[in-house]
Protein backbone atom coordinates (compact mmCIF):
# COMPACT_ATOMS: atom_id res chain seq x y z
CA UNK A 1 52.96 166.13 -0.47
CA UNK A 2 56.14 167.95 -0.68
CA UNK A 3 57.69 168.02 2.70
CA UNK A 4 58.70 171.60 2.71
CA UNK A 5 55.38 173.11 1.87
CA UNK A 6 51.68 172.38 2.20
CA UNK A 7 48.60 173.80 0.22
CA UNK A 8 47.52 176.87 2.28
CA UNK A 9 43.78 175.63 2.29
CA UNK A 10 44.75 172.40 3.78
CA UNK A 11 47.04 173.83 6.48
CA UNK A 12 44.25 176.55 7.62
CA UNK A 13 41.92 173.38 7.87
CA UNK A 14 44.53 171.30 9.54
CA UNK A 15 45.13 173.99 11.87
CA UNK A 16 41.52 174.62 12.81
CA UNK A 17 41.13 177.95 11.50
CA UNK A 18 38.35 176.72 9.20
CA UNK A 19 35.66 174.35 10.20
CA UNK A 20 35.95 172.60 6.40
CA UNK A 21 38.28 172.71 3.67
CA UNK A 22 35.58 174.38 1.59
CA UNK A 23 35.34 177.13 4.20
CA UNK A 24 39.25 177.61 4.55
CA UNK A 25 39.08 177.83 0.52
CA UNK A 26 36.48 180.67 0.96
CA UNK A 27 38.40 182.34 3.62
CA UNK A 28 41.43 182.56 1.29
CA UNK A 29 39.18 183.55 -1.81
CA UNK A 30 37.41 186.36 -0.06
CA UNK A 31 40.83 187.88 0.83
CA UNK A 32 41.03 187.30 4.72
CA UNK A 33 44.44 185.93 4.48
CA UNK A 34 47.85 187.33 3.89
CA UNK A 35 51.25 186.03 3.82
CA UNK A 36 54.11 188.28 4.79
CA UNK A 37 51.62 191.05 4.61
CA UNK A 38 50.58 190.31 1.08
CA UNK A 39 46.95 189.31 0.32
CA UNK A 40 46.75 185.85 -0.99
CA UNK A 41 43.63 184.74 -2.99
CA UNK A 42 44.96 181.30 -4.24
CA UNK A 43 44.10 178.58 -1.75
CA UNK A 44 46.43 175.99 -3.53
CA UNK A 45 49.43 178.48 -2.68
CA UNK A 46 52.08 176.54 -0.70
CA UNK A 47 53.00 177.52 2.88
CA UNK A 48 56.38 176.62 4.44
CA UNK A 49 57.65 176.73 8.14
CA UNK A 50 58.41 180.17 9.10
CA UNK A 51 55.55 181.83 6.95
CA UNK A 52 53.69 184.59 8.78
CA UNK A 53 49.88 184.60 8.21
CA UNK A 54 47.55 187.37 9.11
CA UNK A 55 44.04 185.72 9.37
CA UNK A 56 40.97 188.06 9.44
CA UNK A 57 38.63 185.53 11.04
CA UNK A 58 35.14 186.24 12.29
CA UNK A 59 36.11 186.36 15.80
CA UNK A 60 39.19 187.77 15.57
CA UNK A 61 42.51 188.86 13.72
CA UNK A 62 45.41 186.69 14.23
CA UNK A 63 49.15 186.83 13.28
CA UNK A 64 50.49 183.34 13.51
CA UNK A 65 53.87 181.75 12.24
CA UNK A 66 53.58 178.17 10.42
CA UNK A 67 55.95 175.85 12.61
CA UNK A 68 54.78 172.39 11.27
CA UNK A 69 52.39 170.38 8.96
CA UNK A 70 49.99 167.61 9.63
CA UNK A 71 49.16 164.58 7.75
CA UNK A 72 45.42 164.97 8.71
CA UNK A 73 43.05 167.04 10.80
CA UNK A 74 43.54 166.11 14.37
CA UNK A 75 42.37 167.36 17.78
CA UNK A 76 42.43 171.08 18.85
CA UNK A 77 45.47 170.37 20.90
CA UNK A 78 47.29 168.91 17.90
CA UNK A 79 46.13 171.71 15.58
CA UNK A 80 48.07 174.29 17.97
CA UNK A 81 51.40 172.59 17.39
CA UNK A 82 51.21 173.73 13.86
CA UNK A 83 51.70 177.40 14.47
CA UNK A 84 52.83 179.99 16.96
CA UNK A 85 50.51 182.97 17.68
CA UNK A 86 52.58 186.26 17.29
CA UNK A 87 49.59 188.74 17.81
CA UNK A 88 45.83 188.82 18.52
CA UNK A 89 45.59 185.42 20.15
CA UNK A 90 45.99 183.95 24.02
CA UNK A 91 49.12 181.79 23.55
CA UNK A 92 52.17 184.04 24.37
CA UNK A 93 50.19 187.37 24.29
CA UNK A 94 49.78 189.32 27.40
CA UNK A 95 45.93 189.83 27.94
CA UNK A 96 44.51 193.01 26.97
CA UNK A 97 41.68 192.86 29.19
CA UNK A 98 41.30 195.63 31.64
CA UNK A 99 42.35 194.77 35.01
CA UNK A 100 39.65 194.25 37.98
CA UNK A 101 39.17 197.22 40.23
CA UNK A 102 40.89 196.71 43.53
CA UNK A 103 39.33 197.33 46.81
């Protein structure tokens, strides 16, 4: 593995955006991943720290910045260190839920 890049499908799997590596490949091939707003259909494309990915996942659309790589798939907590959520997630994004009525 080159230190400055990692295959997109591996990174998606290690970051726990897909349950399996074949599912990560399918996510990319189906056109659900964009890098810098451009659709990517090659799961072998290399991502690098600083790349901004838009992920159209079954449960949400997330915009994340790649911050690190992993050597293997780890825990959910370890996976969260691989990216920064810019939009659509809970980390660092204000809640969009309506406020509870007061009174």
